[in-house]
N, C-alpha and C. Protein backbone atom coordinates (compact mmCIF):
# COMPACT_ATOMS: atom_id res chain seq x y z
N MET A 1 52.02 13.27 -31.54
CA MET A 1 50.92 14.45 -31.02
C MET A 1 50.25 12.28 -30.21
N ASP A 2 50.30 13.11 -28.63
CA ASP A 2 49.51 11.94 -27.85
C ASP A 2 48.26 11.86 -27.63
N ASN A 3 47.94 11.23 -26.88
CA ASN A 3 46.32 11.12 -26.96
C ASN A 3 44.98 11.80 -26.78
N ASP A 4 46.27 12.65 -25.41
CA ASP A 4 45.86 13.98 -24.41
C ASP A 4 45.66 15.16 -25.77
N GLU A 5 46.95 15.38 -26.41
CA GLU A 5 46.55 16.59 -27.49
C GLU A 5 45.98 15.81 -28.36
N ILE A 6 45.08 15.22 -28.62
CA ILE A 6 44.46 14.95 -29.44
C ILE A 6 42.87 14.76 -29.21
N ARG A 7 42.45 14.52 -28.12
CA ARG A 7 41.62 15.18 -27.34
C ARG A 7 41.35 16.68 -27.29
N VAL A 8 42.07 17.23 -27.31
CA VAL A 8 42.04 18.73 -26.53
C VAL A 8 41.74 19.15 -27.93
N GLN A 9 41.99 18.62 -29.38
CA GLN A 9 41.92 19.23 -30.45
C GLN A 9 40.55 18.50 -30.84
N GLU A 10 40.53 17.47 -30.96
CA GLU A 10 39.34 16.96 -31.15
C GLU A 10 37.87 18.05 -30.55
N LYS A 11 38.43 18.46 -29.03
CA LYS A 11 37.36 18.98 -28.41
C LYS A 11 37.26 20.41 -28.96
N ARG A 12 38.42 21.11 -29.38
CA ARG A 12 38.46 22.45 -30.05
C ARG A 12 37.60 22.62 -31.52
N ASN A 13 37.92 21.83 -32.20
CA ASN A 13 37.19 21.08 -33.43
C ASN A 13 35.40 20.83 -33.00
N MET A 14 35.34 20.32 -32.45
CA MET A 14 34.07 20.13 -31.94
C MET A 14 33.41 21.87 -31.42
N ALA A 15 33.93 22.27 -30.69
CA ALA A 15 33.61 23.61 -30.25
C ALA A 15 33.79 25.01 -31.45
N ILE A 16 34.52 24.93 -32.32
CA ILE A 16 34.31 25.82 -33.62
C ILE A 16 33.33 24.59 -34.37
N LEU A 17 33.00 23.75 -34.22
CA LEU A 17 31.70 23.22 -35.14
C LEU A 17 30.59 23.38 -34.80
N ILE A 18 30.29 23.10 -33.91
CA ILE A 18 29.11 23.86 -32.58
C ILE A 18 29.13 25.12 -32.88
N PHE A 19 29.53 26.61 -33.22
CA PHE A 19 29.75 27.82 -33.03
C PHE A 19 29.20 28.13 -34.78
N TRP A 20 30.08 27.30 -35.60
CA TRP A 20 29.93 27.62 -36.96
C TRP A 20 27.67 27.11 -36.71
N MET A 21 27.57 25.77 -36.51
CA MET A 21 26.14 25.77 -36.20
C MET A 21 25.41 26.77 -35.83
N PHE A 22 25.62 27.16 -34.69
CA PHE A 22 24.42 28.31 -34.28
C PHE A 22 24.40 29.26 -35.34
N LEU A 23 25.36 29.85 -35.53
CA LEU A 23 25.51 30.76 -36.71
C LEU A 23 24.98 31.12 -37.80
N ILE A 24 25.12 29.54 -38.16
CA ILE A 24 23.99 29.57 -39.06
C ILE A 24 22.78 29.54 -39.15
N VAL A 25 22.25 28.76 -38.11
CA VAL A 25 20.97 29.02 -37.08
C VAL A 25 20.33 30.39 -37.36
N TRP A 26 20.87 30.69 -36.78
CA TRP A 26 21.11 32.34 -36.24
C TRP A 26 20.67 33.35 -37.48
N CYS A 27 21.50 33.08 -38.23
CA CYS A 27 21.18 34.09 -39.99
C CYS A 27 20.01 33.14 -40.46
N VAL A 28 19.43 32.01 -40.08
CA VAL A 28 18.05 31.05 -40.83
C VAL A 28 17.11 32.28 -40.18
N SER A 29 17.21 32.19 -39.15
CA SER A 29 16.81 32.48 -38.38
C SER A 29 16.21 34.05 -38.46
N LEU A 30 17.31 34.50 -38.16
CA LEU A 30 16.99 36.26 -38.84
C LEU A 30 16.03 36.37 -39.95
N HIS A 31 16.83 35.05 -41.06
CA HIS A 31 15.87 35.81 -42.32
C HIS A 31 14.33 35.68 -42.71
N TYR A 32 14.17 34.40 -41.96
CA TYR A 32 12.65 33.99 -41.93
C TYR A 32 11.58 34.66 -40.91
N PHE A 33 12.44 35.60 -39.51
CA PHE A 33 11.25 36.06 -38.91
C PHE A 33 10.97 37.43 -39.41
N ALA A 34 11.86 37.97 -40.24
CA ALA A 34 11.65 38.93 -41.17
C ALA A 34 10.81 38.59 -42.47
N ILE A 35 11.18 37.88 -43.24
CA ILE A 35 10.03 37.57 -44.05
C ILE A 35 8.49 37.45 -43.39
N VAL A 36 7.88 36.47 -42.13
CA VAL A 36 6.84 36.68 -41.79
C VAL A 36 6.10 37.90 -41.14
N GLY A 37 7.58 39.27 -40.55
CA GLY A 37 7.57 40.09 -40.32
C GLY A 37 7.24 40.16 -39.24
N ILE A 38 8.15 39.21 -38.33
CA ILE A 38 7.66 39.19 -36.75
C ILE A 38 9.27 40.25 -36.60
N ILE A 39 10.12 40.49 -37.35
CA ILE A 39 11.25 41.36 -37.07
C ILE A 39 10.92 42.15 -38.40
N SER A 40 10.78 43.62 -38.13
CA SER A 40 10.64 44.42 -39.20
C SER A 40 10.57 46.24 -38.34
N LYS A 41 10.71 46.88 -39.40
CA LYS A 41 11.26 48.10 -39.08
C LYS A 41 9.66 49.62 -38.66
N SER A 42 8.73 48.02 -38.36
CA SER A 42 7.80 49.46 -37.75
C SER A 42 7.99 48.94 -35.72
N GLU A 43 7.54 49.29 -35.62
CA GLU A 43 7.08 49.70 -33.52
C GLU A 43 7.22 48.62 -33.23
N PRO A 44 8.22 48.29 -32.65
CA PRO A 44 8.50 46.76 -32.14
C PRO A 44 6.93 46.29 -31.00
N THR A 45 7.00 45.01 -31.33
CA THR A 45 5.71 44.43 -29.94
C THR A 45 5.60 43.46 -29.44
N ASN A 46 5.79 43.42 -28.19
CA ASN A 46 5.23 42.28 -27.81
C ASN A 46 4.47 41.30 -28.07
N VAL A 47 5.19 39.57 -28.11
CA VAL A 47 5.02 38.60 -28.61
C VAL A 47 3.65 37.82 -27.67
N ASN A 48 3.85 38.09 -26.24
CA ASN A 48 2.58 37.29 -25.70
C ASN A 48 1.77 38.49 -25.01
N SER A 49 1.73 39.70 -25.11
CA SER A 49 1.32 40.87 -24.77
C SER A 49 -0.06 40.45 -24.14
N PRO A 50 -0.89 41.27 -22.98
CA PRO A 50 -2.43 41.06 -22.80
C PRO A 50 -3.46 41.48 -23.72
N ASN A 51 -2.75 42.98 -24.37
CA ASN A 51 -3.88 43.93 -25.16
C ASN A 51 -3.86 42.50 -26.55
N GLY A 52 -3.62 40.82 -26.95
CA GLY A 52 -3.33 40.86 -27.91
C GLY A 52 -2.75 40.97 -29.45
N SER A 53 -1.88 42.15 -29.01
CA SER A 53 -0.88 42.86 -30.33
C SER A 53 -0.03 41.73 -29.93
N ASP A 54 -0.26 40.63 -30.88
CA ASP A 54 0.94 39.20 -30.87
C ASP A 54 2.20 39.15 -31.50
N GLY A 55 2.71 40.99 -32.49
CA GLY A 55 3.44 40.51 -33.46
C GLY A 55 3.35 39.96 -34.79
N ILE A 56 1.96 39.10 -34.84
CA ILE A 56 2.38 38.65 -36.55
C ILE A 56 0.87 39.08 -37.14
N HIS A 57 1.04 40.27 -36.42
CA HIS A 57 -0.27 41.21 -37.38
C HIS A 57 0.31 42.09 -38.15
N SER A 58 1.98 41.91 -37.64
CA SER A 58 2.48 42.79 -38.81
C SER A 58 2.41 42.60 -40.11
N VAL A 59 2.51 40.82 -39.81
CA VAL A 59 2.75 40.28 -41.54
C VAL A 59 1.73 40.81 -42.74
N ALA A 60 0.53 41.93 -42.28
CA ALA A 60 0.25 42.61 -43.22
C ALA A 60 0.84 43.57 -43.97
N ASP A 61 2.03 44.08 -42.82
CA ASP A 61 2.65 44.94 -43.17
C ASP A 61 3.60 45.07 -44.04
N VAL A 62 3.86 43.74 -43.83
CA VAL A 62 5.40 43.08 -44.94
C VAL A 62 5.33 42.84 -45.67
N VAL A 63 3.94 41.35 -45.62
CA VAL A 63 3.57 40.51 -47.34
C VAL A 63 2.11 41.00 -47.08
N ASN A 64 2.05 41.00 -49.01
CA ASN A 64 1.01 41.53 -49.40
C ASN A 64 0.50 40.15 -49.63
N PRO A 65 -0.74 39.41 -49.61
CA PRO A 65 -1.19 38.46 -49.50
C PRO A 65 -1.36 37.99 -51.33
N SER A 66 -1.87 39.34 -51.69
CA SER A 66 -1.69 38.62 -53.10
C SER A 66 -0.97 38.33 -54.36
N GLU A 67 0.75 38.23 -54.10
CA GLU A 67 2.26 38.39 -54.60
C GLU A 67 1.67 37.06 -54.54
N SER A 68 3.38 36.39 -54.89
CA SER A 68 3.06 34.75 -55.28
C SER A 68 4.18 34.39 -54.38
N LEU A 69 3.87 34.80 -53.28
CA LEU A 69 4.96 34.17 -51.95
C LEU A 69 3.76 33.54 -51.28
N PHE A 70 2.26 33.35 -51.79
CA PHE A 70 1.70 32.51 -51.63
C PHE A 70 1.13 31.26 -51.99
N TYR A 71 1.16 29.81 -51.62
CA TYR A 71 0.15 29.10 -52.38
C TYR A 71 -1.19 29.35 -51.76
N THR A 72 -2.44 28.55 -52.59
CA THR A 72 -3.22 28.56 -52.28
C THR A 72 -3.31 26.32 -52.17
N HIS A 73 -4.79 26.20 -51.03
CA HIS A 73 -5.36 24.99 -50.41
C HIS A 73 -6.43 25.00 -50.10
N ILE A 74 -7.10 24.32 -50.62
CA ILE A 74 -8.81 23.99 -49.90
C ILE A 74 -8.50 23.25 -48.94
N PHE A 75 -9.60 24.56 -47.34
CA PHE A 75 -9.42 23.32 -46.62
C PHE A 75 -11.18 23.31 -45.97
N ARG A 76 -11.60 22.39 -45.46
CA ARG A 76 -12.55 21.72 -44.64
C ARG A 76 -12.00 23.25 -42.91
N VAL A 77 -12.85 24.12 -42.97
CA VAL A 77 -12.24 24.69 -41.58
C VAL A 77 -13.32 25.20 -40.65
N THR A 78 -12.79 24.38 -39.73
CA THR A 78 -14.46 24.89 -39.03
C THR A 78 -13.51 25.83 -37.01
N ALA A 79 -14.49 26.01 -36.54
CA ALA A 79 -13.45 26.70 -35.41
C ALA A 79 -13.85 26.38 -34.25
N TYR A 80 -12.71 27.13 -32.91
CA TYR A 80 -12.81 26.49 -31.57
C TYR A 80 -12.59 27.80 -30.87
N CYS A 81 -12.86 27.27 -29.36
CA CYS A 81 -12.88 28.23 -28.76
C CYS A 81 -11.77 27.68 -27.77
N PRO A 82 -11.54 28.50 -26.21
CA PRO A 82 -10.17 27.90 -24.80
C PRO A 82 -11.95 27.06 -23.83
N CYS A 83 -12.83 26.85 -24.60
CA CYS A 83 -13.77 25.99 -23.64
C CYS A 83 -13.46 24.11 -23.54
N ALA A 84 -14.01 23.56 -22.50
CA ALA A 84 -14.06 21.99 -22.14
C ALA A 84 -14.42 21.69 -23.12
N LYS A 85 -15.74 22.03 -24.04
CA LYS A 85 -16.18 21.56 -24.43
C LYS A 85 -15.32 21.09 -26.28
N CYS A 86 -14.85 22.38 -26.08
CA CYS A 86 -14.05 22.54 -27.57
C CYS A 86 -12.91 22.12 -27.50
N CYS A 87 -12.15 21.82 -25.77
CA CYS A 87 -10.40 21.24 -25.75
C CYS A 87 -10.47 20.33 -24.84
N GLY A 88 -11.56 20.37 -23.74
CA GLY A 88 -11.53 19.14 -23.46
C GLY A 88 -10.52 18.66 -22.06
N LYS A 89 -10.26 18.15 -21.97
CA LYS A 89 -8.82 18.31 -20.45
C LYS A 89 -8.01 19.45 -21.51
N PHE A 90 -7.29 19.45 -22.40
CA PHE A 90 -6.62 21.32 -22.53
C PHE A 90 -6.91 22.15 -22.89
N ALA A 91 -7.92 22.82 -22.18
CA ALA A 91 -8.92 23.85 -21.88
C ALA A 91 -8.22 24.75 -20.58
N ASP A 92 -7.34 24.92 -20.74
CA ASP A 92 -5.87 25.52 -19.80
C ASP A 92 -5.38 26.70 -20.58
N ASN A 93 -5.81 27.68 -21.79
CA ASN A 93 -5.57 28.19 -22.62
C ASN A 93 -4.08 28.74 -22.92
N VAL A 94 -3.75 27.49 -23.47
CA VAL A 94 -1.66 27.43 -23.30
C VAL A 94 -2.22 26.50 -25.02
N THR A 95 -1.91 26.26 -25.88
CA THR A 95 -1.93 26.01 -26.92
C THR A 95 -0.61 24.81 -27.26
N ALA A 96 -0.85 23.92 -28.13
CA ALA A 96 0.46 23.07 -28.36
C ALA A 96 1.50 23.43 -28.52
N SER A 97 1.78 24.27 -28.68
CA SER A 97 2.86 25.32 -28.95
C SER A 97 4.02 26.05 -27.97
N GLY A 98 3.10 26.39 -26.95
CA GLY A 98 3.43 26.63 -25.70
C GLY A 98 2.48 27.96 -25.40
N TYR A 99 1.87 28.74 -26.63
CA TYR A 99 1.48 29.95 -26.57
C TYR A 99 0.62 30.45 -25.75
N ILE A 100 0.47 31.40 -24.93
CA ILE A 100 -0.35 31.32 -24.20
C ILE A 100 -1.64 32.92 -24.15
N ILE A 101 -2.73 31.93 -24.17
CA ILE A 101 -3.65 32.65 -25.37
C ILE A 101 -4.53 33.78 -24.25
N TYR A 102 -4.46 34.89 -24.63
CA TYR A 102 -4.98 36.41 -24.58
C TYR A 102 -6.41 36.77 -25.37
N ASP A 103 -7.60 37.40 -24.52
CA ASP A 103 -8.70 37.82 -25.49
C ASP A 103 -8.19 38.48 -26.37
N GLY A 104 -8.62 38.18 -27.46
CA GLY A 104 -8.55 38.59 -29.43
C GLY A 104 -7.75 38.80 -29.70
N ASP A 105 -6.74 37.31 -29.46
CA ASP A 105 -5.81 36.78 -30.13
C ASP A 105 -6.67 35.51 -31.40
N ARG A 106 -6.12 35.99 -32.26
CA ARG A 106 -6.20 34.76 -34.05
C ARG A 106 -5.46 34.44 -33.81
N PHE A 107 -5.39 32.80 -34.23
CA PHE A 107 -4.56 31.66 -34.74
C PHE A 107 -5.46 30.64 -35.43
N ILE A 108 -4.47 29.52 -35.98
CA ILE A 108 -5.12 28.85 -36.27
C ILE A 108 -4.55 27.07 -35.40
N ALA A 109 -5.11 26.02 -35.52
CA ALA A 109 -5.06 24.77 -35.26
C ALA A 109 -4.92 24.26 -36.76
N ALA A 110 -3.67 23.59 -36.61
CA ALA A 110 -3.40 22.29 -38.63
C ALA A 110 -2.99 21.89 -37.68
N PRO A 111 -2.90 21.16 -38.76
CA PRO A 111 -2.11 19.30 -38.98
C PRO A 111 -0.33 19.46 -38.50
N PRO A 112 -0.39 18.34 -38.35
CA PRO A 112 1.40 18.82 -38.25
C PRO A 112 2.02 18.48 -38.89
N GLU A 113 1.52 18.17 -40.91
CA GLU A 113 2.74 19.15 -41.45
C GLU A 113 2.61 20.28 -42.04
N TYR A 114 1.97 21.37 -41.33
CA TYR A 114 2.44 22.90 -41.21
C TYR A 114 3.06 23.08 -39.61
N ASP A 115 4.20 23.79 -39.93
CA ASP A 115 5.03 24.16 -38.24
C ASP A 115 4.26 25.13 -38.28
N PHE A 116 4.69 25.29 -36.79
CA PHE A 116 4.15 26.28 -35.75
C PHE A 116 4.67 27.20 -36.18
N GLY A 117 4.23 28.46 -36.64
CA GLY A 117 4.15 29.86 -36.83
C GLY A 117 4.16 29.96 -38.58
N THR A 118 3.71 29.14 -39.57
CA THR A 118 3.15 28.96 -40.88
C THR A 118 2.36 29.86 -40.57
N VAL A 119 2.04 31.31 -41.54
CA VAL A 119 1.50 32.02 -41.78
C VAL A 119 0.25 31.42 -42.89
N MET A 120 -0.42 31.73 -42.27
CA MET A 120 -2.15 31.16 -44.00
C MET A 120 -3.04 32.69 -43.44
N LEU A 121 -3.97 32.77 -44.35
CA LEU A 121 -5.17 33.78 -44.70
C LEU A 121 -5.98 32.87 -44.86
N ILE A 122 -7.35 32.69 -44.13
CA ILE A 122 -8.03 32.36 -44.12
C ILE A 122 -9.85 33.70 -44.43
N PRO A 123 -10.08 33.16 -45.80
CA PRO A 123 -11.75 34.39 -46.10
C PRO A 123 -11.76 34.54 -44.90
N GLY A 124 -12.06 35.60 -44.36
CA GLY A 124 -13.71 35.95 -43.39
C GLY A 124 -13.03 35.99 -42.02
N TYR A 125 -11.88 35.53 -41.74
CA TYR A 125 -11.13 35.11 -40.59
C TYR A 125 -10.21 36.45 -40.09
N ASN A 126 -10.34 36.92 -38.84
CA ASN A 126 -9.32 38.06 -38.72
C ASN A 126 -9.62 38.99 -39.81
N GLU A 127 -10.47 39.47 -39.95
CA GLU A 127 -10.24 40.53 -40.99
C GLU A 127 -10.00 40.31 -42.71
N SER A 128 -9.25 38.49 -42.35
CA SER A 128 -8.53 38.56 -43.68
C SER A 128 -7.63 39.00 -43.93
N LYS A 129 -6.10 38.78 -42.79
CA LYS A 129 -5.56 39.25 -42.55
C LYS A 129 -4.88 37.94 -41.77
N PRO A 130 -3.60 38.26 -42.09
CA PRO A 130 -2.59 36.95 -41.81
C PRO A 130 -2.11 36.13 -41.46
N VAL A 131 -2.91 34.91 -40.27
CA VAL A 131 -2.25 34.24 -38.64
C VAL A 131 -1.84 33.17 -39.02
N PRO A 132 -0.90 32.88 -37.34
CA PRO A 132 -0.14 31.80 -38.11
C PRO A 132 -0.60 30.76 -36.79
N VAL A 133 -0.07 29.42 -37.25
CA VAL A 133 -0.54 28.52 -37.16
C VAL A 133 0.26 28.22 -35.69
N ARG A 134 -0.71 27.94 -34.31
CA ARG A 134 -0.04 27.79 -33.08
C ARG A 134 -0.84 26.40 -32.52
N ASP A 135 -1.42 25.89 -32.86
CA ASP A 135 -2.25 24.89 -32.14
C ASP A 135 -1.92 23.26 -32.53
N ARG A 136 -2.70 22.80 -32.34
CA ARG A 136 -2.81 21.35 -33.07
C ARG A 136 -4.28 21.14 -32.74
N GLY A 137 -4.93 19.69 -32.93
CA GLY A 137 -5.96 19.69 -33.10
C GLY A 137 -6.28 17.77 -33.09
N GLY A 138 -7.11 16.94 -32.00
CA GLY A 138 -6.76 15.59 -32.53
C GLY A 138 -7.85 14.89 -33.45
N VAL A 139 -8.68 15.56 -33.92
CA VAL A 139 -9.53 15.90 -35.34
C VAL A 139 -8.97 16.48 -36.40
N ILE A 140 -7.53 17.10 -36.42
CA ILE A 140 -7.76 18.66 -37.27
C ILE A 140 -6.27 17.31 -38.41
N LYS A 141 -6.38 16.81 -39.17
CA LYS A 141 -5.61 16.12 -39.99
C LYS A 141 -6.13 16.50 -41.33
N ALA A 142 -4.77 16.11 -42.38
CA ALA A 142 -5.34 16.31 -43.57
C ALA A 142 -5.58 17.83 -44.10
N ASP A 143 -6.72 17.80 -44.84
CA ASP A 143 -7.55 18.99 -45.08
C ASP A 143 -8.16 19.76 -44.19
N LYS A 144 -7.69 19.38 -43.07
CA LYS A 144 -9.05 20.40 -42.38
C LYS A 144 -8.45 21.17 -41.41
N LEU A 145 -8.45 22.20 -40.72
CA LEU A 145 -8.38 23.28 -40.07
C LEU A 145 -9.15 23.87 -38.88
N ASP A 146 -9.15 24.66 -38.08
CA ASP A 146 -9.76 25.19 -36.71
C ASP A 146 -8.87 26.56 -36.44
N VAL A 147 -10.19 27.40 -36.69
CA VAL A 147 -9.45 29.11 -36.21
C VAL A 147 -9.82 28.89 -34.97
N TYR A 148 -9.73 30.08 -34.56
CA TYR A 148 -9.44 30.16 -33.08
C TYR A 148 -10.08 30.85 -32.15
N PHE A 149 -11.55 31.10 -31.76
CA PHE A 149 -12.40 32.52 -31.67
C PHE A 149 -12.20 32.37 -30.03
N ASP A 150 -12.62 33.63 -29.15
CA ASP A 150 -12.49 34.10 -27.93
C ASP A 150 -13.69 33.55 -26.85
N THR A 151 -14.67 32.68 -27.56
CA THR A 151 -16.02 32.79 -27.25
C THR A 151 -16.65 31.43 -28.06
N HIS A 152 -17.78 30.76 -26.87
CA HIS A 152 -18.36 29.22 -27.99
C HIS A 152 -19.39 29.79 -29.05
N GLN A 153 -20.04 31.00 -28.88
CA GLN A 153 -20.95 31.65 -29.53
C GLN A 153 -20.37 31.09 -31.06
N GLU A 154 -18.71 32.60 -30.85
CA GLU A 154 -18.34 32.61 -31.95
C GLU A 154 -17.96 31.86 -32.81
N ALA A 155 -17.68 30.84 -32.22
CA ALA A 155 -17.20 29.82 -32.64
C ALA A 155 -18.19 28.46 -33.13
N LEU A 156 -19.52 28.59 -32.47
CA LEU A 156 -20.58 28.23 -33.21
C LEU A 156 -20.97 28.86 -34.32
N ASN A 157 -21.18 30.00 -34.62
CA ASN A 157 -21.47 30.83 -35.65
C ASN A 157 -20.38 30.85 -36.77
N TRP A 158 -19.61 30.65 -36.67
CA TRP A 158 -18.33 30.52 -37.32
C TRP A 158 -19.02 29.11 -38.40
N GLY A 159 -19.27 28.27 -38.01
CA GLY A 159 -20.00 26.68 -38.40
C GLY A 159 -18.53 25.91 -38.95
N VAL A 160 -18.70 25.89 -40.47
CA VAL A 160 -18.11 24.85 -41.15
C VAL A 160 -17.91 25.27 -42.83
N GLN A 161 -16.84 25.35 -42.82
CA GLN A 161 -16.66 26.53 -44.02
C GLN A 161 -15.30 25.56 -44.95
N TYR A 162 -15.87 25.68 -46.16
CA TYR A 162 -15.12 24.78 -47.25
C TYR A 162 -14.07 25.85 -48.30
N LEU A 163 -13.04 26.00 -47.56
CA LEU A 163 -12.44 27.62 -47.85
C LEU A 163 -11.10 27.12 -48.90
N GLU A 164 -10.79 28.24 -50.02
CA GLU A 164 -9.45 28.60 -50.08
C GLU A 164 -8.55 29.30 -49.39
N VAL A 165 -7.96 28.12 -48.84
CA VAL A 165 -6.80 29.13 -48.12
C VAL A 165 -4.83 29.38 -48.34
N LYS A 166 -4.66 30.69 -48.51
CA LYS A 166 -3.89 30.99 -49.24
C LYS A 166 -2.44 30.79 -48.01
N ILE A 167 -1.64 29.78 -47.72
CA ILE A 167 -0.44 29.79 -47.22
C ILE A 167 1.09 30.59 -47.59
N LEU A 168 1.98 30.99 -46.09
CA LEU A 168 2.44 31.59 -46.98
C LEU A 168 4.05 30.60 -47.20
N GLU A 169 4.99 30.83 -48.37
CA GLU A 169 5.78 30.03 -48.49
C GLU A 169 6.71 30.60 -48.46
N VAL A 170 7.13 29.97 -47.36
CA VAL A 170 8.78 30.23 -47.18
C VAL A 170 10.19 29.39 -47.14
N GLU A 171 10.90 29.78 -47.87
CA GLU A 171 12.01 28.41 -48.39
C GLU A 171 13.22 28.78 -47.40
N LEU A 172 13.46 28.50 -46.41
CA LEU A 172 15.03 28.77 -45.73
C LEU A 172 16.10 28.24 -46.29
């Protein structure tokens, strides 16, 4: 084999490797989304629809919070809204994950050790239904969470609470 044939073979091998890596990532993603309920047998939902139906609400239909899929952790849970007092220069209705915020949305700002999309159940928030992590915050570290509300008054009414939060444990 000359050098040109070797290069062609290396390119083919690389293309095959990339194809298999893509296929594996795709399969793992399908498995994850099926677990958290983004892909389910229920009605399809628009992930960023203006009516607040963001697809994550189907988690309650797929996952029973009393099942052992959740582990618990105690957090200091505060609240915020999209105003300049709460978000400063980031008051633009877009979360750190790139999610566009609509009225009625419910989600969490969590420390970086919780990936975007991690599902949590916070007692008293969102009718105690599971919600996703979609944001970060400058003071959101370690055992702190921030729950999102549409108005500053709702955030103030939440106050500061120490709660046992259920976190969906998904192994990929």
